[in-house]
Amino acid sequence: MTEDGVERGISLSLHATVADWAMVRSGALCFASITVTESLNWSDIGAERQIEEAQHAGVRAGIRHYARPGAAGDQAEHCASVGKRLGVFCPGSLAPALDVEAEGVDDRFVRTWIKAVRQAAGIRRVLIAAPYDHWLRRLRPDRWADRDVVLWVSRHNGIPGRPGWFHPRLGVHQHGPAPVGGEFDGPIGFDSLVYPFTLADLLV
């Protein structure tokens, strides 16, 4: 919990790493979404180690899947298979996230991925992450965002929890990049919950 009472975390893009997860946890960052899988069959062994180290440090860690166009169901099953092996679908873990950034990933893909990952992983809660512009122009969450879907917007405006865009299921705001160097290496975002969501709303 930070001084303003808002729970915060970090998002790790492909190949990003944290050198000392215990230091991250002591710095009041309590959750982490770590990109481990991409497309149909690729996974990052280094990111898998990051999940394990974050869990050991007491950070609520979750798997993130970087979506590519096509075969949404197969991509969901790939993410679920890796996630089961890493133990990230146990109660108390951060829910799995779908990174909807690549061109060609649309509402139909998201809807199919949500249904398939729920069936394959045996969970309900899922997180859908996308840049601010995508929420404005590409995605229509009212078509697929039920009460167990939490939206995650990336807009680096430096105002934690206030992205300047609203949806009833919007729960997380990536408000800025983490500084490169020190504990962080690679593209990492700083995240904050959006009121009235709490950390419990993001967990499996």
Protein backbone atom coordinates (compact mmCIF):
# COMPACT_ATOMS: atom_id res chain seq x y z
CA MET A 1 0.00 0.00 0.00
CA THR A 2 1.38 3.43 -0.93
CA GLU A 3 1.08 6.69 0.98
CA ASP A 4 -2.05 7.63 -0.96
CA GLY A 5 -3.64 4.30 -0.05
CA VAL A 6 -3.62 2.91 -3.59
CA GLU A 7 -2.18 -0.53 -4.24
CA ARG A 8 0.35 -0.55 -7.07
CA GLY A 9 2.28 -2.96 -9.22
CA ILE A 10 4.34 -3.42 -12.35
CA SER A 11 3.94 -4.94 -15.82
CA LEU A 12 6.84 -6.69 -17.50
CA SER A 13 6.91 -6.75 -21.30
CA LEU A 14 8.71 -9.43 -23.27
CA HIS A 15 12.27 -10.04 -22.03
CA ALA A 16 12.02 -7.47 -19.21
CA THR A 17 13.53 -8.49 -15.87
CA VAL A 18 13.63 -7.44 -12.22
CA ALA A 19 16.94 -8.04 -10.46
CA ASP A 20 15.65 -8.10 -6.89
CA TRP A 21 11.99 -8.92 -6.28
CA ALA A 22 12.37 -8.58 -2.51
CA MET A 23 13.39 -4.96 -3.07
CA VAL A 24 10.35 -4.45 -5.29
CA ARG A 25 8.08 -5.84 -2.58
CA SER A 26 9.67 -3.65 0.08
CA GLY A 27 8.97 -0.67 -2.16
CA ALA A 28 5.20 -1.21 -1.76
CA LEU A 29 4.64 -2.77 -5.18
CA CYS A 30 2.34 -5.68 -4.45
CA PHE A 31 1.41 -7.18 -7.83
CA ALA A 32 3.15 -8.01 -11.10
CA SER A 33 1.89 -9.06 -14.52
CA ILE A 34 4.73 -10.80 -16.34
CA THR A 35 4.68 -11.53 -20.08
CA VAL A 36 5.61 -15.20 -20.41
CA THR A 37 3.79 -16.48 -23.51
CA GLU A 38 3.21 -15.21 -27.03
CA SER A 39 1.23 -16.50 -30.00
CA LEU A 40 0.64 -20.25 -30.32
CA ASN A 41 3.66 -21.90 -28.76
CA TRP A 42 6.35 -19.46 -27.63
CA SER A 43 7.29 -18.95 -24.01
CA ASP A 44 10.14 -17.08 -22.33
CA ILE A 45 12.13 -19.27 -19.92
CA GLY A 46 13.59 -16.15 -18.30
CA ALA A 47 10.11 -14.78 -17.67
CA GLU A 48 9.10 -18.07 -16.10
CA ARG A 49 11.94 -17.60 -13.60
CA GLN A 50 10.71 -14.05 -12.98
CA ILE A 51 7.28 -15.43 -12.02
CA GLU A 52 8.85 -17.85 -9.55
CA GLU A 53 11.10 -15.17 -8.00
CA ALA A 54 8.21 -12.73 -7.66
CA GLN A 55 6.05 -15.36 -5.98
CA HIS A 56 8.86 -16.23 -3.57
CA ALA A 57 9.18 -12.54 -2.61
CA GLY A 58 5.47 -12.33 -1.79
CA VAL A 59 4.45 -10.38 -4.89
CA ARG A 60 1.07 -11.35 -6.38
CA ALA A 61 2.37 -12.52 -9.74
CA GLY A 62 0.37 -13.43 -12.81
CA ILE A 63 1.05 -14.63 -16.34
CA ARG A 64 0.56 -12.30 -19.31
CA HIS A 65 0.02 -13.47 -22.88
CA TYR A 66 1.03 -11.30 -25.82
CA ALA A 67 -1.66 -11.87 -28.43
CA ARG A 68 -1.01 -12.33 -32.13
CA PRO A 69 -3.80 -12.40 -34.74
CA GLY A 70 -5.53 -15.73 -35.33
CA ALA A 71 -6.21 -18.95 -33.41
CA ALA A 72 -7.34 -17.25 -30.21
CA GLY A 73 -8.46 -20.53 -28.65
CA ASP A 74 -5.12 -22.22 -29.27
CA GLN A 75 -3.26 -19.21 -27.87
CA ALA A 76 -5.40 -19.33 -24.73
CA GLU A 77 -4.69 -23.03 -24.26
CA HIS A 78 -0.95 -22.38 -24.65
CA CYS A 79 -1.09 -19.65 -21.99
CA ALA A 80 -3.12 -21.87 -19.66
CA SER A 81 -0.75 -24.82 -20.09
CA VAL A 82 2.30 -22.75 -19.15
CA GLY A 83 0.40 -21.01 -16.35
CA LYS A 84 -0.63 -24.32 -14.78
CA ARG A 85 2.99 -25.46 -14.75
CA LEU A 86 4.01 -22.21 -13.03
CA GLY A 87 1.22 -22.40 -10.46
CA VAL A 88 -0.27 -19.00 -11.28
CA PHE A 89 -3.90 -20.08 -11.20
CA CYS A 90 -3.94 -20.80 -7.48
CA PRO A 91 -6.15 -18.58 -5.27
CA GLY A 92 -4.32 -15.37 -4.44
CA SER A 93 -2.37 -15.14 -7.69
CA LEU A 94 -2.85 -12.23 -10.06
CA ALA A 95 -5.34 -13.21 -12.75
CA PRO A 96 -3.97 -14.00 -16.22
CA ALA A 97 -3.72 -11.02 -18.54
CA LEU A 98 -4.14 -10.75 -22.29
CA ASP A 99 -1.99 -8.05 -23.89
CA VAL A 100 -4.04 -6.65 -26.80
CA GLU A 101 -1.52 -4.48 -28.59
CA ALA A 102 -0.65 -6.17 -31.89
CA GLU A 103 -2.52 -5.09 -35.00
CA GLY A 104 -5.27 -7.49 -36.02
CA VAL A 105 -6.29 -8.51 -32.49
CA ASP A 106 -9.92 -7.48 -32.20
CA ASP A 107 -13.07 -7.95 -30.09
CA ARG A 108 -13.79 -11.36 -31.59
CA PHE A 109 -10.32 -12.56 -30.65
CA VAL A 110 -10.65 -11.22 -27.09
CA ARG A 111 -14.06 -12.83 -26.57
CA THR A 112 -12.80 -16.20 -27.81
CA TRP A 113 -9.60 -16.00 -25.73
CA ILE A 114 -11.52 -15.24 -22.55
CA LYS A 115 -13.83 -18.23 -23.00
CA ALA A 116 -10.99 -20.59 -23.91
CA VAL A 117 -8.57 -19.58 -21.15
CA ARG A 118 -11.33 -19.92 -18.55
CA GLN A 119 -12.06 -23.45 -19.70
CA ALA A 120 -8.42 -24.48 -19.99
CA ALA A 121 -7.24 -22.92 -16.71
CA GLY A 122 -10.35 -23.55 -14.64
CA ILE A 123 -10.63 -19.91 -13.53
CA ARG A 124 -13.04 -17.01 -14.11
CA ARG A 125 -11.14 -13.77 -13.49
CA VAL A 126 -9.15 -12.41 -16.44
CA LEU A 127 -7.42 -9.11 -17.17
CA ILE A 128 -7.44 -7.47 -20.61
CA ALA A 129 -4.67 -4.92 -21.19
CA ALA A 130 -4.46 -2.47 -24.07
CA PRO A 131 -3.10 0.99 -24.89
CA TYR A 132 -5.38 3.98 -24.38
CA ASP A 133 -5.83 4.54 -28.11
CA HIS A 134 -7.03 0.96 -28.60
CA TRP A 135 -9.75 1.39 -25.98
CA LEU A 136 -10.89 4.54 -27.73
CA ARG A 137 -10.88 3.30 -31.33
CA ARG A 138 -10.48 -0.47 -31.66
CA LEU A 139 -12.01 -2.36 -28.75
CA ARG A 140 -15.65 -2.52 -27.58
CA PRO A 141 -15.51 -4.13 -24.12
CA ASP A 142 -19.29 -3.98 -23.65
CA ARG A 143 -19.43 -6.90 -26.07
CA TRP A 144 -17.39 -9.25 -23.86
CA ALA A 145 -16.46 -7.70 -20.48
CA ASP A 146 -18.57 -9.45 -17.85
CA ARG A 147 -18.18 -8.99 -14.08
CA ASP A 148 -15.11 -11.26 -13.97
CA VAL A 149 -13.21 -9.28 -16.61
CA VAL A 150 -11.03 -6.37 -15.48
CA LEU A 151 -9.76 -3.84 -18.02
CA TRP A 152 -6.23 -2.47 -17.92
CA VAL A 153 -5.35 0.72 -19.78
CA SER A 154 -1.83 1.86 -20.64
CA ARG A 155 -1.63 5.64 -20.73
CA HIS A 156 1.57 7.23 -19.49
CA ASN A 157 0.16 10.48 -18.16
CA GLY A 158 1.92 10.34 -14.80
CA ILE A 159 -1.33 10.45 -12.80
CA PRO A 160 -1.74 7.06 -11.09
CA GLY A 161 -5.28 5.73 -11.22
CA ARG A 162 -6.57 8.57 -13.39
CA PRO A 163 -6.13 7.63 -17.05
CA GLY A 164 -8.70 10.05 -18.45
CA TRP A 165 -10.83 7.20 -19.78
CA PHE A 166 -13.63 5.41 -17.96
CA HIS A 167 -15.39 2.08 -18.15
CA PRO A 168 -17.23 0.30 -15.32
CA ARG A 169 -14.79 -2.62 -15.61
CA LEU A 170 -11.63 -0.47 -15.76
CA GLY A 171 -9.51 -1.53 -12.79
CA VAL A 172 -5.85 -0.88 -13.62
CA HIS A 173 -3.96 2.08 -15.07
CA GLN A 174 -0.38 1.83 -16.33
CA HIS A 175 0.60 5.43 -15.68
CA GLY A 176 4.29 5.50 -16.59
CA PRO A 177 7.43 3.55 -17.43
CA ALA A 178 9.78 2.25 -14.78
CA PRO A 179 13.27 3.78 -14.98
CA VAL A 180 15.77 1.59 -16.78
CA GLY A 181 18.66 0.59 -14.55
CA GLY A 182 18.97 -0.45 -10.95
CA GLU A 183 16.39 -3.15 -10.25
CA PHE A 184 14.68 -2.87 -13.64
CA ASP A 185 15.85 -3.95 -17.08
CA GLY A 186 13.72 -3.69 -20.20
CA PRO A 187 10.21 -2.34 -20.86
CA ILE A 188 8.44 -2.27 -17.49
CA GLY A 189 5.38 -0.20 -16.62
CA PHE A 190 4.26 1.21 -13.28
CA ASP A 191 0.61 0.39 -12.56
CA SER A 192 -2.04 1.64 -10.15
CA LEU A 193 -5.52 0.46 -9.29
CA VAL A 194 -8.46 2.56 -10.45
CA TYR A 195 -11.08 3.36 -7.81
CA PRO A 196 -13.18 1.56 -6.62
CA PHE A 197 -11.23 -1.57 -7.59
CA THR A 198 -9.04 -3.26 -4.98
CA LEU A 199 -6.29 -5.83 -5.29
CA ALA A 200 -8.77 -8.57 -4.43
CA ASP A 201 -10.64 -7.72 -7.66
CA LEU A 202 -7.52 -8.64 -9.68
CA LEU A 203 -6.83 -12.02 -8.11
CA VAL A 204 -7.81 -15.53 -9.21
